[in-house]
Structures are given as C-alpha cells and as structure tokens.
Amino acid sequence: MAEVTSELVYEVLKQLSDRMTKFESKMDEVKAELQGLRNHSMAIQQDASNIYTMLGRHENSFDRIDRWLEITEVS
C-alpha cells in the first residue's frame, strides 16, 4: 500500500480546489441564465397584462358604440 505523504495530500487537495473552482464557475453561469429566464418571464407577464388592458378598453369602446347605435343582442 502506498504511503500517505503530505505531498500526496497536498496534490489531492489542490485537485479538489480546482474542481470546486470550476464548479463554482458553472454555478455562476447557471444563476445568470436563471436570472435571464426570470426577467424574460416577467416581461411576458407584463406583455400579457398590457394585452388584457387593451382588450378591456376595446370592449368598453364596443359597448359604447353598441349603445350609440342602439344595437342589442337578441337571445
């Protein structure tokens, strides 16, 4: 069995440190992508809200036009 020396322990710890650095770098990339997705999702939500607001305005306009033209729905 190989003898465990401080040099061997040092090499293993150095490799572990390198791997952790790479892992942290990848995690930062994932966080950045998730933040981008979150921002995109919020923009889509705002767009949908704006569309609903505009549709509501059009509906109100159509209702006023119907009343002005005295158009009523027949059930």
C-alpha atoms as a PDB file:
ATOM      1  CA  MET A   1       0.000   0.000   0.000  1.00  0.00           C
ATOM      2  CA  ALA A   2       1.327   3.447  -0.878  1.00  0.00           C
ATOM      3  CA  GLU A   3       2.464   5.642   1.940  1.00  0.00           C
ATOM      4  CA  VAL A   4       0.378   8.754   2.508  1.00  0.00           C
ATOM      5  CA  THR A   5       2.628  11.770   2.489  1.00  0.00           C
ATOM      6  CA  SER A   6       1.925  15.434   2.908  1.00  0.00           C
ATOM      7  CA  GLU A   7       2.792  15.936  -0.775  1.00  0.00           C
ATOM      8  CA  LEU A   8       0.128  13.425  -1.800  1.00  0.00           C
ATOM      9  CA  VAL A   9      -2.445  15.066   0.451  1.00  0.00           C
ATOM     10  CA  TYR A  10      -1.458  18.451  -0.961  1.00  0.00           C
ATOM     11  CA  GLU A  11      -1.937  17.239  -4.569  1.00  0.00           C
ATOM     12  CA  VAL A  12      -5.352  15.788  -3.781  1.00  0.00           C
ATOM     13  CA  LEU A  13      -6.434  18.996  -2.050  1.00  0.00           C
ATOM     14  CA  LYS A  14      -5.142  21.063  -4.968  1.00  0.00           C
ATOM     15  CA  GLN A  15      -7.159  18.958  -7.424  1.00  0.00           C
ATOM     16  CA  LEU A  16     -10.207  19.295  -5.216  1.00  0.00           C
ATOM     17  CA  SER A  17      -9.750  23.046  -5.087  1.00  0.00           C
ATOM     18  CA  ASP A  18      -9.511  23.224  -8.888  1.00  0.00           C
ATOM     19  CA  ARG A  19     -12.677  21.183  -9.276  1.00  0.00           C
ATOM     20  CA  MET A  20     -14.539  23.381  -6.795  1.00  0.00           C
ATOM     21  CA  THR A  21     -13.427  26.492  -8.683  1.00  0.00           C
ATOM     22  CA  LYS A  22     -14.785  25.041 -11.944  1.00  0.00           C
ATOM     23  CA  PHE A  23     -17.988  24.009 -10.197  1.00  0.00           C
ATOM     24  CA  GLU A  24     -18.484  27.498  -8.772  1.00  0.00           C
ATOM     25  CA  SER A  25     -17.893  28.988 -12.209  1.00  0.00           C
ATOM     26  CA  LYS A  26     -20.551  26.727 -13.734  1.00  0.00           C
ATOM     27  CA  MET A  27     -22.960  27.571 -10.917  1.00  0.00           C
ATOM     28  CA  ASP A  28     -22.480  31.276 -11.653  1.00  0.00           C
ATOM     29  CA  GLU A  29     -23.335  30.599 -15.301  1.00  0.00           C
ATOM     30  CA  VAL A  30     -26.487  28.706 -14.287  1.00  0.00           C
ATOM     31  CA  LYS A  31     -27.508  31.526 -11.939  1.00  0.00           C
ATOM     32  CA  ALA A  32     -27.046  34.075 -14.721  1.00  0.00           C
ATOM     33  CA  GLU A  33     -29.165  32.013 -17.104  1.00  0.00           C
ATOM     34  CA  LEU A  34     -31.887  31.584 -14.492  1.00  0.00           C
ATOM     35  CA  GLN A  35     -31.916  35.324 -13.865  1.00  0.00           C
ATOM     36  CA  GLY A  36     -32.279  35.887 -17.600  1.00  0.00           C
ATOM     37  CA  LEU A  37     -35.189  33.444 -17.733  1.00  0.00           C
ATOM     38  CA  ARG A  38     -36.796  35.157 -14.754  1.00  0.00           C
ATOM     39  CA  ASN A  39     -36.505  38.551 -16.439  1.00  0.00           C
ATOM     40  CA  HIS A  40     -37.937  37.128 -19.666  1.00  0.00           C
ATOM     41  CA  SER A  41     -40.829  35.558 -17.777  1.00  0.00           C
ATOM     42  CA  MET A  42     -41.604  38.852 -16.064  1.00  0.00           C
ATOM     43  CA  ALA A  43     -41.569  40.637 -19.432  1.00  0.00           C
ATOM     44  CA  ILE A  44     -44.010  38.097 -20.866  1.00  0.00           C
ATOM     45  CA  GLN A  45     -46.262  38.560 -17.842  1.00  0.00           C
ATOM     46  CA  GLN A  46     -46.216  42.332 -18.331  1.00  0.00           C
ATOM     47  CA  ASP A  47     -46.990  41.940 -22.035  1.00  0.00           C
ATOM     48  CA  ALA A  48     -49.969  39.702 -21.251  1.00  0.00           C
ATOM     49  CA  SER A  49     -51.218  42.220 -18.703  1.00  0.00           C
ATOM     50  CA  ASN A  50     -50.943  45.021 -21.260  1.00  0.00           C
ATOM     51  CA  ILE A  51     -52.876  42.963 -23.810  1.00  0.00           C
ATOM     52  CA  TYR A  52     -55.678  42.303 -21.315  1.00  0.00           C
ATOM     53  CA  THR A  53     -55.839  46.011 -20.501  1.00  0.00           C
ATOM     54  CA  MET A  54     -56.111  46.932 -24.185  1.00  0.00           C
ATOM     55  CA  LEU A  55     -58.785  44.280 -24.767  1.00  0.00           C
ATOM     56  CA  GLY A  56     -60.775  45.711 -21.872  1.00  0.00           C
ATOM     57  CA  ARG A  57     -60.584  49.180 -23.395  1.00  0.00           C
ATOM     58  CA  HIS A  58     -61.744  47.861 -26.781  1.00  0.00           C
ATOM     59  CA  GLU A  59     -64.613  46.018 -25.141  1.00  0.00           C
ATOM     60  CA  ASN A  60     -65.714  49.211 -23.414  1.00  0.00           C
ATOM     61  CA  SER A  61     -65.489  51.104 -26.716  1.00  0.00           C
ATOM     62  CA  PHE A  62     -67.572  48.466 -28.483  1.00  0.00           C
ATOM     63  CA  ASP A  63     -70.159  48.629 -25.709  1.00  0.00           C
ATOM     64  CA  ARG A  64     -70.429  52.412 -26.116  1.00  0.00           C
ATOM     65  CA  ILE A  65     -70.716  52.056 -29.917  1.00  0.00           C
ATOM     66  CA  ASP A  66     -73.426  49.399 -29.498  1.00  0.00           C
ATOM     67  CA  ARG A  67     -75.393  51.687 -27.189  1.00  0.00           C
ATOM     68  CA  TRP A  68     -74.937  54.653 -29.523  1.00  0.00           C
ATOM     69  CA  LEU A  69     -76.137  52.619 -32.498  1.00  0.00           C
ATOM     70  CA  GLU A  70     -78.863  51.112 -30.329  1.00  0.00           C
ATOM     71  CA  ILE A  71     -77.687  47.619 -31.152  1.00  0.00           C
ATOM     72  CA  THR A  72     -78.863  44.977 -28.729  1.00  0.00           C
ATOM     73  CA  GLU A  73     -78.154  41.284 -28.640  1.00  0.00           C
ATOM     74  CA  VAL A  74     -81.072  39.009 -29.279  1.00  0.00           C
ATOM     75  CA  SER A  75     -81.096  35.953 -27.037  1.00  0.00           C
END
